[in-house]
Amino acid sequence: ANWVGEQPGVCSMAKTCGHAGVMEFNGDVYTCDHFVFPEFKLGN
């Protein structure tokens, strides 16, 4: 996909990220599944 200039199917290979958030069981939302740390919490 990147070779052709299309959007790749996995975020790690894309130019930018941040489109895939994650919500915990209590409603807390974080920037990304691999960034579930207090400093990357967006809110509830």
ModelCIF file with pLDDT and N, C-alpha, C, O atoms, coordinates in Angstrom:
data_MODEL
#
_entry.id   MODEL 
#
_entity.id                         1 
_entity.type                       polymer 
_entity.pdbx_number_of_molecules   1 
#
_entity_poly.entity_id                      1 
_entity_poly.type                           'polypeptide(L)' 
_entity_poly.nstd_linkage                   no 
_entity_poly.nstd_monomer                   no 
_entity_poly.pdbx_seq_one_letter_code       ANWVGEQPGVCSMAKTCGHAGVMEFNGDVYTCDHFVFPEFKLGN 
_entity_poly.pdbx_seq_one_letter_code_can   ANWVGEQPGVCSMAKTCGHAGVMEFNGDVYTCDHFVFPEFKLGN 
_entity_poly.pdbx_strand_id                 A 
#
loop_
_entity_poly_seq.entity_id 
_entity_poly_seq.num 
_entity_poly_seq.mon_id 
_entity_poly_seq.hetero 
1 1  ALA n 
1 2  ASN n 
1 3  TRP n 
1 4  VAL n 
1 5  GLY n 
1 6  GLU n 
1 7  GLN n 
1 8  PRO n 
1 9  GLY n 
1 10 VAL n 
1 11 CYS n 
1 12 SER n 
1 13 MET n 
1 14 ALA n 
1 15 LYS n 
1 16 THR n 
1 17 CYS n 
1 18 GLY n 
1 19 HIS n 
1 20 ALA n 
1 21 GLY n 
1 22 VAL n 
1 23 MET n 
1 24 GLU n 
1 25 PHE n 
1 26 ASN n 
1 27 GLY n 
1 28 ASP n 
1 29 VAL n 
1 30 TYR n 
1 31 THR n 
1 32 CYS n 
1 33 ASP n 
1 34 HIS n 
1 35 PHE n 
1 36 VAL n 
1 37 PHE n 
1 38 PRO n 
1 39 GLU n 
1 40 PHE n 
1 41 LYS n 
1 42 LEU n 
1 43 GLY n 
1 44 ASN n 
#
_struct_asym.id          A 
_struct_asym.entity_id   1 
#
loop_
_ma_qa_metric.id 
_ma_qa_metric.mode 
_ma_qa_metric.name 
_ma_qa_metric.software_group_id 
_ma_qa_metric.type 
1 global pLDDT . pLDDT 
2 local  pLDDT . pLDDT 
#
_ma_qa_metric_global.metric_id      1 
_ma_qa_metric_global.metric_value   95.02 
_ma_qa_metric_global.model_id       1 
_ma_qa_metric_global.ordinal_id     1 
#
loop_
_ma_qa_metric_local.label_asym_id 
_ma_qa_metric_local.label_comp_id 
_ma_qa_metric_local.label_seq_id 
_ma_qa_metric_local.metric_id 
_ma_qa_metric_local.metric_value 
_ma_qa_metric_local.model_id 
_ma_qa_metric_local.ordinal_id 
A ALA 1  2 97.00 1 1  
A ASN 2  2 97.00 1 2  
A TRP 3  2 98.00 1 3  
A VAL 4  2 97.00 1 4  
A GLY 5  2 95.00 1 5  
A GLU 6  2 95.00 1 6  
A GLN 7  2 92.00 1 7  
A PRO 8  2 93.00 1 8  
A GLY 9  2 90.00 1 9  
A VAL 10 2 92.00 1 10 
A CYS 11 2 92.00 1 11 
A SER 12 2 94.00 1 12 
A MET 13 2 95.00 1 13 
A ALA 14 2 95.00 1 14 
A LYS 15 2 95.00 1 15 
A THR 16 2 94.00 1 16 
A CYS 17 2 92.00 1 17 
A GLY 18 2 91.00 1 18 
A HIS 19 2 90.00 1 19 
A ALA 20 2 93.00 1 20 
A GLY 21 2 96.00 1 21 
A VAL 22 2 98.00 1 22 
A MET 23 2 98.00 1 23 
A GLU 24 2 97.00 1 24 
A PHE 25 2 96.00 1 25 
A ASN 26 2 95.00 1 26 
A GLY 27 2 97.00 1 27 
A ASP 28 2 97.00 1 28 
A VAL 29 2 98.00 1 29 
A TYR 30 2 98.00 1 30 
A THR 31 2 97.00 1 31 
A CYS 32 2 95.00 1 32 
A ASP 33 2 95.00 1 33 
A HIS 34 2 94.00 1 34 
A PHE 35 2 94.00 1 35 
A VAL 36 2 95.00 1 36 
A PHE 37 2 92.00 1 37 
A PRO 38 2 92.00 1 38 
A GLU 39 2 93.00 1 39 
A PHE 40 2 96.00 1 40 
A LYS 41 2 97.00 1 41 
A LEU 42 2 98.00 1 42 
A GLY 43 2 98.00 1 43 
A ASN 44 2 98.00 1 44 
#
loop_
_atom_site.group_PDB 
_atom_site.id 
_atom_site.type_symbol 
_atom_site.label_atom_id 
_atom_site.label_alt_id 
_atom_site.label_comp_id 
_atom_site.label_asym_id 
_atom_site.label_entity_id 
_atom_site.label_seq_id 
_atom_site.pdbx_PDB_ins_code 
_atom_site.Cartn_x 
_atom_site.Cartn_y 
_atom_site.Cartn_z 
_atom_site.occupancy 
_atom_site.B_iso_or_equiv 
_atom_site.pdbx_formal_charge 
_atom_site.auth_seq_id 
_atom_site.auth_comp_id 
_atom_site.auth_asym_id 
_atom_site.auth_atom_id 
_atom_site.pdbx_PDB_model_num 
ATOM 1   N N  . ALA A 1 1  ? 0.837   -1.207 0.000  1.00 97.00 ? 1  ALA A N  1 
ATOM 2   C CA . ALA A 1 1  ? 0.000   0.000  0.000  1.00 97.00 ? 1  ALA A CA 1 
ATOM 3   C C  . ALA A 1 1  ? 0.867   1.252  0.000  1.00 97.00 ? 1  ALA A C  1 
ATOM 4   O O  . ALA A 1 1  ? 0.611   2.180  -0.767 1.00 97.00 ? 1  ALA A O  1 
ATOM 5   N N  . ASN A 1 2  ? 1.884   1.290  0.844  1.00 97.00 ? 2  ASN A N  1 
ATOM 6   C CA . ASN A 1 2  ? 2.782   2.447  0.868  1.00 97.00 ? 2  ASN A CA 1 
ATOM 7   C C  . ASN A 1 2  ? 3.564   2.579  -0.434 1.00 97.00 ? 2  ASN A C  1 
ATOM 8   O O  . ASN A 1 2  ? 3.847   3.690  -0.884 1.00 97.00 ? 2  ASN A O  1 
ATOM 9   N N  . TRP A 1 3  ? 3.907   1.460  -1.029 1.00 98.00 ? 3  TRP A N  1 
ATOM 10  C CA . TRP A 1 3  ? 4.646   1.481  -2.300 1.00 98.00 ? 3  TRP A CA 1 
ATOM 11  C C  . TRP A 1 3  ? 3.803   2.139  -3.397 1.00 98.00 ? 3  TRP A C  1 
ATOM 12  O O  . TRP A 1 3  ? 4.309   2.863  -4.254 1.00 98.00 ? 3  TRP A O  1 
ATOM 13  N N  . VAL A 1 4  ? 2.501   1.856  -3.333 1.00 97.00 ? 4  VAL A N  1 
ATOM 14  C CA . VAL A 1 4  ? 1.583   2.384  -4.349 1.00 97.00 ? 4  VAL A CA 1 
ATOM 15  C C  . VAL A 1 4  ? 1.139   3.813  -4.013 1.00 97.00 ? 4  VAL A C  1 
ATOM 16  O O  . VAL A 1 4  ? 0.670   4.549  -4.881 1.00 97.00 ? 4  VAL A O  1 
ATOM 17  N N  . GLY A 1 5  ? 1.293   4.189  -2.740 1.00 95.00 ? 5  GLY A N  1 
ATOM 18  C CA . GLY A 1 5  ? 0.854   5.523  -2.320 1.00 95.00 ? 5  GLY A CA 1 
ATOM 19  C C  . GLY A 1 5  ? -0.529  5.548  -1.728 1.00 95.00 ? 5  GLY A C  1 
ATOM 20  O O  . GLY A 1 5  ? -1.158  6.603  -1.638 1.00 95.00 ? 5  GLY A O  1 
ATOM 21  N N  . GLU A 1 6  ? -1.018  4.362  -1.313 1.00 95.00 ? 6  GLU A N  1 
ATOM 22  C CA . GLU A 1 6  ? -2.318  4.268  -0.662 1.00 95.00 ? 6  GLU A CA 1 
ATOM 23  C C  . GLU A 1 6  ? -2.144  4.239  0.856  1.00 95.00 ? 6  GLU A C  1 
ATOM 24  O O  . GLU A 1 6  ? -1.035  4.059  1.358  1.00 95.00 ? 6  GLU A O  1 
ATOM 25  N N  . GLN A 1 7  ? -3.239  4.417  1.574  1.00 92.00 ? 7  GLN A N  1 
ATOM 26  C CA . GLN A 1 7  ? -3.199  4.371  3.031  1.00 92.00 ? 7  GLN A CA 1 
ATOM 27  C C  . GLN A 1 7  ? -2.967  2.930  3.485  1.00 92.00 ? 7  GLN A C  1 
ATOM 28  O O  . GLN A 1 7  ? -3.735  2.048  3.103  1.00 92.00 ? 7  GLN A O  1 
ATOM 29  N N  . PRO A 1 8  ? -1.932  2.663  4.287  1.00 93.00 ? 8  PRO A N  1 
ATOM 30  C CA . PRO A 1 8  ? -1.693  1.286  4.736  1.00 93.00 ? 8  PRO A CA 1 
ATOM 31  C C  . PRO A 1 8  ? -2.731  0.840  5.753  1.00 93.00 ? 8  PRO A C  1 
ATOM 32  O O  . PRO A 1 8  ? -3.367  1.666  6.407  1.00 93.00 ? 8  PRO A O  1 
ATOM 33  N N  . GLY A 1 9  ? -2.898  -0.460 5.883  1.00 90.00 ? 9  GLY A N  1 
ATOM 34  C CA . GLY A 1 9  ? -3.916  -0.996 6.777  1.00 90.00 ? 9  GLY A CA 1 
ATOM 35  C C  . GLY A 1 9  ? -3.507  -1.061 8.237  1.00 90.00 ? 9  GLY A C  1 
ATOM 36  O O  . GLY A 1 9  ? -4.306  -1.463 9.083  1.00 90.00 ? 9  GLY A O  1 
ATOM 37  N N  . VAL A 1 10 ? -2.287  -0.676 8.546  1.00 92.00 ? 10 VAL A N  1 
ATOM 38  C CA . VAL A 1 10 ? -1.828  -0.709 9.935  1.00 92.00 ? 10 VAL A CA 1 
ATOM 39  C C  . VAL A 1 10 ? -1.237  0.654  10.274 1.00 92.00 ? 10 VAL A C  1 
ATOM 40  O O  . VAL A 1 10 ? -0.457  1.214  9.504  1.00 92.00 ? 10 VAL A O  1 
ATOM 41  N N  . CYS A 1 11 ? -1.621  1.183  11.444 1.00 92.00 ? 11 CYS A N  1 
ATOM 42  C CA . CYS A 1 11 ? -1.276  2.561  11.805 1.00 92.00 ? 11 CYS A CA 1 
ATOM 43  C C  . CYS A 1 11 ? 0.227   2.780  11.935 1.00 92.00 ? 11 CYS A C  1 
ATOM 44  O O  . CYS A 1 11 ? 0.713   3.878  11.664 1.00 92.00 ? 11 CYS A O  1 
ATOM 45  N N  . SER A 1 12 ? 0.967   1.758  12.343 1.00 94.00 ? 12 SER A N  1 
ATOM 46  C CA . SER A 1 12 ? 2.403   1.930  12.573 1.00 94.00 ? 12 SER A CA 1 
ATOM 47  C C  . SER A 1 12 ? 3.152   2.299  11.297 1.00 94.00 ? 12 SER A C  1 
ATOM 48  O O  . SER A 1 12 ? 4.227   2.895  11.364 1.00 94.00 ? 12 SER A O  1 
ATOM 49  N N  . MET A 1 13 ? 2.595   1.949  10.127 1.00 95.00 ? 13 MET A N  1 
ATOM 50  C CA . MET A 1 13 ? 3.257   2.228  8.858  1.00 95.00 ? 13 MET A CA 1 
ATOM 51  C C  . MET A 1 13 ? 2.733   3.497  8.187  1.00 95.00 ? 13 MET A C  1 
ATOM 52  O O  . MET A 1 13 ? 3.211   3.869  7.116  1.00 95.00 ? 13 MET A O  1 
ATOM 53  N N  . ALA A 1 14 ? 1.769   4.154  8.796  1.00 95.00 ? 14 ALA A N  1 
ATOM 54  C CA . ALA A 1 14 ? 1.187   5.364  8.217  1.00 95.00 ? 14 ALA A CA 1 
ATOM 55  C C  . ALA A 1 14 ? 2.039   6.593  8.551  1.00 95.00 ? 14 ALA A C  1 
ATOM 56  O O  . ALA A 1 14 ? 2.859   6.558  9.469  1.00 95.00 ? 14 ALA A O  1 
ATOM 57  N N  . LYS A 1 15 ? 1.834   7.676  7.798  1.00 95.00 ? 15 LYS A N  1 
ATOM 58  C CA . LYS A 1 15 ? 2.603   8.902  8.032  1.00 95.00 ? 15 LYS A CA 1 
ATOM 59  C C  . LYS A 1 15 ? 2.301   9.507  9.396  1.00 95.00 ? 15 LYS A C  1 
ATOM 60  O O  . LYS A 1 15 ? 3.199   9.970  10.099 1.00 95.00 ? 15 LYS A O  1 
ATOM 61  N N  . THR A 1 16 ? 1.033   9.495  9.753  1.00 94.00 ? 16 THR A N  1 
ATOM 62  C CA . THR A 1 16 ? 0.623   10.023 11.057 1.00 94.00 ? 16 THR A CA 1 
ATOM 63  C C  . THR A 1 16 ? -0.210  8.964  11.763 1.00 94.00 ? 16 THR A C  1 
ATOM 64  O O  . THR A 1 16 ? -0.660  7.998  11.148 1.00 94.00 ? 16 THR A O  1 
ATOM 65  N N  . CYS A 1 17 ? -0.407  9.158  13.057 1.00 92.00 ? 17 CYS A N  1 
ATOM 66  C CA . CYS A 1 17 ? -1.243  8.206  13.809 1.00 92.00 ? 17 CYS A CA 1 
ATOM 67  C C  . CYS A 1 17 ? -2.248  9.004  14.640 1.00 92.00 ? 17 CYS A C  1 
ATOM 68  O O  . CYS A 1 17 ? -2.552  10.152 14.313 1.00 92.00 ? 17 CYS A O  1 
ATOM 69  N N  . GLY A 1 18 ? -2.757  8.410  15.697 1.00 91.00 ? 18 GLY A N  1 
ATOM 70  C CA . GLY A 1 18 ? -3.710  9.115  16.543 1.00 91.00 ? 18 GLY A CA 1 
ATOM 71  C C  . GLY A 1 18 ? -5.151  8.924  16.154 1.00 91.00 ? 18 GLY A C  1 
ATOM 72  O O  . GLY A 1 18 ? -6.043  9.470  16.803 1.00 91.00 ? 18 GLY A O  1 
ATOM 73  N N  . HIS A 1 19 ? -5.406  8.145  15.091 1.00 90.00 ? 19 HIS A N  1 
ATOM 74  C CA . HIS A 1 19 ? -6.800  7.935  14.681 1.00 90.00 ? 19 HIS A CA 1 
ATOM 75  C C  . HIS A 1 19 ? -7.457  6.800  15.452 1.00 90.00 ? 19 HIS A C  1 
ATOM 76  O O  . HIS A 1 19 ? -8.674  6.630  15.391 1.00 90.00 ? 19 HIS A O  1 
ATOM 77  N N  . ALA A 1 20 ? -6.647  6.013  16.187 1.00 93.00 ? 20 ALA A N  1 
ATOM 78  C CA . ALA A 1 20 ? -7.182  4.839  16.882 1.00 93.00 ? 20 ALA A CA 1 
ATOM 79  C C  . ALA A 1 20 ? -7.018  5.002  18.387 1.00 93.00 ? 20 ALA A C  1 
ATOM 80  O O  . ALA A 1 20 ? -5.968  4.687  18.945 1.00 93.00 ? 20 ALA A O  1 
ATOM 81  N N  . GLY A 1 21 ? -8.064  5.496  19.035 1.00 96.00 ? 21 GLY A N  1 
ATOM 82  C CA . GLY A 1 21 ? -8.030  5.647  20.486 1.00 96.00 ? 21 GLY A CA 1 
ATOM 83  C C  . GLY A 1 21 ? -8.458  4.371  21.181 1.00 96.00 ? 21 GLY A C  1 
ATOM 84  O O  . GLY A 1 21 ? -8.780  3.373  20.536 1.00 96.00 ? 21 GLY A O  1 
ATOM 85  N N  . VAL A 1 22 ? -8.458  4.415  22.503 1.00 98.00 ? 22 VAL A N  1 
ATOM 86  C CA . VAL A 1 22 ? -8.870  3.256  23.284 1.00 98.00 ? 22 VAL A CA 1 
ATOM 87  C C  . VAL A 1 22 ? -9.625  3.737  24.520 1.00 98.00 ? 22 VAL A C  1 
ATOM 88  O O  . VAL A 1 22 ? -9.233  4.712  25.161 1.00 98.00 ? 22 VAL A O  1 
ATOM 89  N N  . MET A 1 23 ? -10.719 3.037  24.846 1.00 98.00 ? 23 MET A N  1 
ATOM 90  C CA . MET A 1 23 ? -11.504 3.390  26.026 1.00 98.00 ? 23 MET A CA 1 
ATOM 91  C C  . MET A 1 23 ? -11.464 2.264  27.044 1.00 98.00 ? 23 MET A C  1 
ATOM 92  O O  . MET A 1 23 ? -11.777 1.114  26.733 1.00 98.00 ? 23 MET A O  1 
ATOM 93  N N  . GLU A 1 24 ? -11.076 2.607  28.254 1.00 97.00 ? 24 GLU A N  1 
ATOM 94  C CA . GLU A 1 24 ? -11.030 1.644  29.346 1.00 97.00 ? 24 GLU A CA 1 
ATOM 95  C C  . GLU A 1 24 ? -12.435 1.352  29.888 1.00 97.00 ? 24 GLU A C  1 
ATOM 96  O O  . GLU A 1 24 ? -13.410 2.005  29.517 1.00 97.00 ? 24 GLU A O  1 
ATOM 97  N N  . PHE A 1 25 ? -12.509 0.359  30.771 1.00 96.00 ? 25 PHE A N  1 
ATOM 98  C CA . PHE A 1 25 ? -13.787 -0.131 31.297 1.00 96.00 ? 25 PHE A CA 1 
ATOM 99  C C  . PHE A 1 25 ? -14.585 0.951  32.032 1.00 96.00 ? 25 PHE A C  1 
ATOM 100 O O  . PHE A 1 25 ? -15.803 0.830  32.168 1.00 96.00 ? 25 PHE A O  1 
ATOM 101 N N  . ASN A 1 26 ? -13.911 2.011  32.510 1.00 95.00 ? 26 ASN A N  1 
ATOM 102 C CA . ASN A 1 26 ? -14.583 3.057  33.286 1.00 95.00 ? 26 ASN A CA 1 
ATOM 103 C C  . ASN A 1 26 ? -14.859 4.319  32.469 1.00 95.00 ? 26 ASN A C  1 
ATOM 104 O O  . ASN A 1 26 ? -15.347 5.317  33.000 1.00 95.00 ? 26 ASN A O  1 
ATOM 105 N N  . GLY A 1 27 ? -14.540 4.266  31.161 1.00 97.00 ? 27 GLY A N  1 
ATOM 106 C CA . GLY A 1 27 ? -14.803 5.419  30.310 1.00 97.00 ? 27 GLY A CA 1 
ATOM 107 C C  . GLY A 1 27 ? -13.612 6.306  30.044 1.00 97.00 ? 27 GLY A C  1 
ATOM 108 O O  . GLY A 1 27 ? -13.723 7.263  29.278 1.00 97.00 ? 27 GLY A O  1 
ATOM 109 N N  . ASP A 1 28 ? -12.466 6.020  30.656 1.00 97.00 ? 28 ASP A N  1 
ATOM 110 C CA . ASP A 1 28 ? -11.248 6.783  30.362 1.00 97.00 ? 28 ASP A CA 1 
ATOM 111 C C  . ASP A 1 28 ? -10.806 6.517  28.927 1.00 97.00 ? 28 ASP A C  1 
ATOM 112 O O  . ASP A 1 28 ? -10.784 5.370  28.479 1.00 97.00 ? 28 ASP A O  1 
ATOM 113 N N  . VAL A 1 29 ? -10.454 7.579  28.212 1.00 98.00 ? 29 VAL A N  1 
ATOM 114 C CA . VAL A 1 29 ? -10.021 7.454  26.820 1.00 98.00 ? 29 VAL A CA 1 
ATOM 115 C C  . VAL A 1 29 ? -8.559  7.874  26.711 1.00 98.00 ? 29 VAL A C  1 
ATOM 116 O O  . VAL A 1 29 ? -8.155  8.911  27.238 1.00 98.00 ? 29 VAL A O  1 
ATOM 117 N N  . TYR A 1 30 ? -7.775  7.048  26.017 1.00 98.00 ? 30 TYR A N  1 
ATOM 118 C CA . TYR A 1 30 ? -6.346  7.301  25.828 1.00 98.00 ? 30 TYR A CA 1 
ATOM 119 C C  . TYR A 1 30 ? -6.040  7.452  24.342 1.00 98.00 ? 30 TYR A C  1 
ATOM 120 O O  . TYR A 1 30 ? -6.822  7.050  23.480 1.00 98.00 ? 30 TYR A O  1 
ATOM 121 N N  . THR A 1 31 ? -4.876  8.046  24.070 1.00 97.00 ? 31 THR A N  1 
ATOM 122 C CA . THR A 1 31 ? -4.482  8.350  22.697 1.00 97.00 ? 31 THR A CA 1 
ATOM 123 C C  . THR A 1 31 ? -4.356  7.106  21.822 1.00 97.00 ? 31 THR A C  1 
ATOM 124 O O  . THR A 1 31 ? -4.652  7.152  20.628 1.00 97.00 ? 31 THR A O  1 
ATOM 125 N N  . CYS A 1 32 ? -3.915  5.985  22.420 1.00 95.00 ? 32 CYS A N  1 
ATOM 126 C CA . CYS A 1 32 ? -3.599  4.786  21.638 1.00 95.00 ? 32 CYS A CA 1 
ATOM 127 C C  . CYS A 1 32 ? -3.464  3.616  22.597 1.00 95.00 ? 32 CYS A C  1 
ATOM 128 O O  . CYS A 1 32 ? -3.170  3.803  23.778 1.00 95.00 ? 32 CYS A O  1 
ATOM 129 N N  . ASP A 1 33 ? -3.680  2.412  22.089 1.00 95.00 ? 33 ASP A N  1 
ATOM 130 C CA . ASP A 1 33 ? -3.581  1.211  22.918 1.00 95.00 ? 33 ASP A CA 1 
ATOM 131 C C  . ASP A 1 33 ? -2.185  1.028  23.511 1.00 95.00 ? 33 ASP A C  1 
ATOM 132 O O  . ASP A 1 33 ? -2.043  0.456  24.592 1.00 95.00 ? 33 ASP A O  1 
ATOM 133 N N  . HIS A 1 34 ? -1.159  1.506  22.814 1.00 94.00 ? 34 HIS A N  1 
ATOM 134 C CA . HIS A 1 34 ? 0.215   1.381  23.309 1.00 94.00 ? 34 HIS A CA 1 
ATOM 135 C C  . HIS A 1 34 ? 0.650   2.604  24.115 1.00 94.00 ? 34 HIS A C  1 
ATOM 136 O O  . HIS A 1 34 ? 1.802   2.694  24.540 1.00 94.00 ? 34 HIS A O  1 
ATOM 137 N N  . PHE A 1 35 ? -0.263  3.536  24.321 1.00 94.00 ? 35 PHE A N  1 
ATOM 138 C CA . PHE A 1 35 ? 0.043   4.734  25.095 1.00 94.00 ? 35 PHE A CA 1 
ATOM 139 C C  . PHE A 1 35 ? -0.943  4.902  26.246 1.00 94.00 ? 35 PHE A C  1 
ATOM 140 O O  . PHE A 1 35 ? -1.336  6.019  26.580 1.00 94.00 ? 35 PHE A O  1 
ATOM 141 N N  . VAL A 1 36 ? -1.342  3.774  26.853 1.00 95.00 ? 36 VAL A N  1 
ATOM 142 C CA . VAL A 1 36 ? -2.224  3.849  28.015 1.00 95.00 ? 36 VAL A CA 1 
ATOM 143 C C  . VAL A 1 36 ? -1.353  4.103  29.249 1.00 95.00 ? 36 VAL A C  1 
ATOM 144 O O  . VAL A 1 36 ? -1.038  3.198  30.022 1.00 95.00 ? 36 VAL A O  1 
ATOM 145 N N  . PHE A 1 37 ? -0.988  5.352  29.391 1.00 92.00 ? 37 PHE A N  1 
ATOM 146 C CA . PHE A 1 37 ? -0.215  5.862  30.519 1.00 92.00 ? 37 PHE A CA 1 
ATOM 147 C C  . PHE A 1 37 ? -0.897  7.146  30.973 1.00 92.00 ? 37 PHE A C  1 
ATOM 148 O O  . PHE A 1 37 ? -1.525  7.824  30.160 1.00 92.00 ? 37 PHE A O  1 
ATOM 149 N N  . PRO A 1 38 ? -0.789  7.493  32.250 1.00 92.00 ? 38 PRO A N  1 
ATOM 150 C CA . PRO A 1 38 ? -1.497  8.680  32.753 1.00 92.00 ? 38 PRO A CA 1 
ATOM 151 C C  . PRO A 1 38 ? -1.278  9.933  31.917 1.00 92.00 ? 38 PRO A C  1 
ATOM 152 O O  . PRO A 1 38 ? -2.200  10.726 31.728 1.00 92.00 ? 38 PRO A O  1 
ATOM 153 N N  . GLU A 1 39 ? -0.057  10.113 31.417 1.00 93.00 ? 39 GLU A N  1 
ATOM 154 C CA . GLU A 1 39 ? 0.241   11.336 30.659 1.00 93.00 ? 39 GLU A CA 1 
ATOM 155 C C  . GLU A 1 39 ? -0.388  11.356 29.268 1.00 93.00 ? 39 GLU A C  1 
ATOM 156 O O  . GLU A 1 39 ? -0.345  12.381 28.589 1.00 93.00 ? 39 GLU A O  1 
ATOM 157 N N  . PHE A 1 40 ? -0.973  10.235 28.836 1.00 96.00 ? 40 PHE A N  1 
ATOM 158 C CA . PHE A 1 40 ? -1.608  10.189 27.513 1.00 96.00 ? 40 PHE A CA 1 
ATOM 159 C C  . PHE A 1 40 ? -3.124  9.983  27.617 1.00 96.00 ? 40 PHE A C  1 
ATOM 160 O O  . PHE A 1 40 ? -3.767  9.585  26.646 1.00 96.00 ? 40 PHE A O  1 
ATOM 161 N N  . LYS A 1 41 ? -3.676  10.248 28.772 1.00 97.00 ? 41 LYS A N  1 
ATOM 162 C CA . LYS A 1 41 ? -5.134  10.157 28.952 1.00 97.00 ? 41 LYS A CA 1 
ATOM 163 C C  . LYS A 1 41 ? -5.789  11.425 28.403 1.00 97.00 ? 41 LYS A C  1 
ATOM 164 O O  . LYS A 1 41 ? -5.381  12.537 28.739 1.00 97.00 ? 41 LYS A O  1 
ATOM 165 N N  . LEU A 1 42 ? -6.802  11.251 27.560 1.00 98.00 ? 42 LEU A N  1 
ATOM 166 C CA . LEU A 1 42 ? -7.480  12.380 26.920 1.00 98.00 ? 42 LEU A CA 1 
ATOM 167 C C  . LEU A 1 42 ? -8.665  12.889 27.726 1.00 98.00 ? 42 LEU A C  1 
ATOM 168 O O  . LEU A 1 42 ? -9.096  14.030 27.560 1.00 98.00 ? 42 LEU A O  1 
ATOM 169 N N  . GLY A 1 43 ? -9.189  12.034 28.601 1.00 98.00 ? 43 GLY A N  1 
ATOM 170 C CA . GLY A 1 43 ? -10.363 12.419 29.377 1.00 98.00 ? 43 GLY A CA 1 
ATOM 171 C C  . GLY A 1 43 ? -11.242 11.215 29.621 1.00 98.00 ? 43 GLY A C  1 
ATOM 172 O O  . GLY A 1 43 ? -10.803 10.073 29.485 1.00 98.00 ? 43 GLY A O  1 
ATOM 173 N N  . ASN A 1 44 ? -12.489 11.475 29.983 1.00 98.00 ? 44 ASN A N  1 
ATOM 174 C CA . ASN A 1 44 ? -13.450 10.409 30.274 1.00 98.00 ? 44 ASN A CA 1 
ATOM 175 C C  . ASN A 1 44 ? -14.753 10.710 29.553 1.00 98.00 ? 44 ASN A C  1 
ATOM 176 O O  . ASN A 1 44 ? -15.708 9.940  29.657 1.00 98.00 ? 44 ASN A O  1 
#
